[in-house]
Amino acid sequence: FFAGIVEFQKIVGSLIELVDQLAKAAESEKMKAIGARNLLKSIAKQREAQEQQLQALIAEKKMQLERYRIEYETLCKIEADQNEFIDQFIFQK
């Protein structure tokens, strides 16, 4: 009877030790998962900030393109006016 109790205590002790190891392993995996989730959130925020910067750059470049387009149209008009003036000057001679 006494041997049975000792054997039972050993089994219970082993079981408790196994449960403790599993709890530690689960806690370790939980911490890894939390770390991975935080990393993903950080990466998402970085990408969002980068996207906003790129959107601002695109808007700036579009405005620059519009200024260049207007400047080009103005220069084309000036060139046409000058060519017309040159043609009139040549025909007057």
Protein backbone atom coordinates (compact mmCIF):
# COMPACT_ATOMS: atom_id res chain seq x y z
CA PHE A 1 0.00 0.00 0.00
CA PHE A 2 2.82 2.38 0.96
CA ALA A 3 4.67 1.58 -2.29
CA GLY A 4 1.54 2.46 -4.24
CA ILE A 5 1.33 5.86 -2.55
CA VAL A 6 5.00 6.57 -3.26
CA GLU A 7 4.52 5.55 -6.89
CA PHE A 8 1.43 7.75 -7.11
CA GLN A 9 3.38 10.73 -5.68
CA LYS A 10 6.15 10.18 -8.24
CA ILE A 11 3.61 10.10 -11.06
CA VAL A 12 1.89 13.23 -9.74
CA GLY A 13 5.27 14.96 -9.31
CA SER A 14 6.25 14.08 -12.87
CA LEU A 15 2.89 15.30 -14.12
CA ILE A 16 3.26 18.60 -12.26
CA GLU A 17 6.77 19.03 -13.66
CA LEU A 18 5.49 18.32 -17.18
CA VAL A 19 2.62 20.80 -16.77
CA ASP A 20 5.09 23.45 -15.52
CA GLN A 21 7.33 22.88 -18.56
CA LEU A 22 4.33 23.15 -20.89
CA ALA A 23 3.21 26.35 -19.13
CA LYS A 24 6.70 27.85 -19.57
CA ALA A 25 6.76 26.82 -23.23
CA ALA A 26 3.29 28.31 -23.77
CA GLU A 27 4.34 31.56 -22.08
CA SER A 28 7.45 31.70 -24.24
CA GLU A 29 5.39 31.22 -27.42
CA LYS A 30 2.91 33.81 -26.19
CA MET A 31 5.73 36.34 -25.75
CA LYS A 32 7.07 35.52 -29.22
CA ALA A 33 3.60 36.06 -30.69
CA ILE A 34 3.24 39.40 -28.90
CA GLY A 35 6.66 40.46 -30.18
CA ALA A 36 5.76 39.44 -33.73
CA ARG A 37 2.44 41.31 -33.52
CA ASN A 38 4.18 44.45 -32.26
CA LEU A 39 6.75 44.19 -35.05
CA LEU A 40 3.98 43.90 -37.65
CA LYS A 41 2.24 46.96 -36.21
CA SER A 42 5.51 48.88 -36.32
CA ILE A 43 6.13 47.85 -39.93
CA ALA A 44 2.57 48.82 -40.87
CA LYS A 45 3.06 52.28 -39.31
CA GLN A 46 6.36 52.71 -41.14
CA ARG A 47 4.74 51.78 -44.44
CA GLU A 48 1.86 54.16 -43.79
CA ALA A 49 4.30 57.00 -43.09
CA GLN A 50 6.30 56.10 -46.19
CA GLU A 51 3.11 56.04 -48.28
CA GLN A 52 2.16 59.51 -47.00
CA GLN A 53 5.62 60.81 -47.89
CA LEU A 54 5.36 59.34 -51.37
CA GLN A 55 1.87 60.80 -51.85
CA ALA A 56 3.21 64.22 -50.85
CA LEU A 57 6.10 63.81 -53.30
CA ILE A 58 3.68 62.81 -56.08
CA ALA A 59 1.55 65.90 -55.39
CA GLU A 60 4.65 68.09 -55.44
CA LYS A 61 5.82 66.59 -58.75
CA LYS A 62 2.36 67.03 -60.29
CA MET A 63 2.42 70.71 -59.35
CA GLN A 64 5.92 71.03 -60.82
CA LEU A 65 4.76 69.31 -64.01
CA GLU A 66 1.83 71.72 -64.28
CA ARG A 67 4.19 74.70 -63.86
CA TYR A 68 6.46 73.29 -66.57
CA ARG A 69 3.49 72.72 -68.87
CA ILE A 70 2.33 76.31 -68.45
CA GLU A 71 5.87 77.57 -68.95
CA TYR A 72 6.22 75.44 -72.11
CA GLU A 73 2.93 76.75 -73.52
CA THR A 74 4.04 80.32 -72.78
CA LEU A 75 7.39 79.76 -74.48
CA CYS A 76 5.65 78.21 -77.49
CA LYS A 77 3.44 81.30 -77.78
CA ILE A 78 6.48 83.58 -77.47
CA GLU A 79 8.27 81.55 -80.16
CA ALA A 80 5.24 81.75 -82.46
CA ASP A 81 5.00 85.51 -81.90
CA GLN A 82 8.71 85.95 -82.61
CA ASN A 83 8.51 83.80 -85.75
CA GLU A 84 5.54 85.85 -86.93
CA PHE A 85 7.49 89.04 -86.25
CA ILE A 86 10.51 87.69 -88.17
CA ASP A 87 8.30 86.66 -91.08
CA GLN A 88 6.67 90.10 -91.21
CA PHE A 89 10.08 91.77 -91.00
CA ILE A 90 11.44 89.65 -93.86
CA PHE A 91 8.37 90.31 -96.06
CA GLN A 92 8.64 94.06 -95.50
CA LYS A 93 12.07 94.15 -97.18
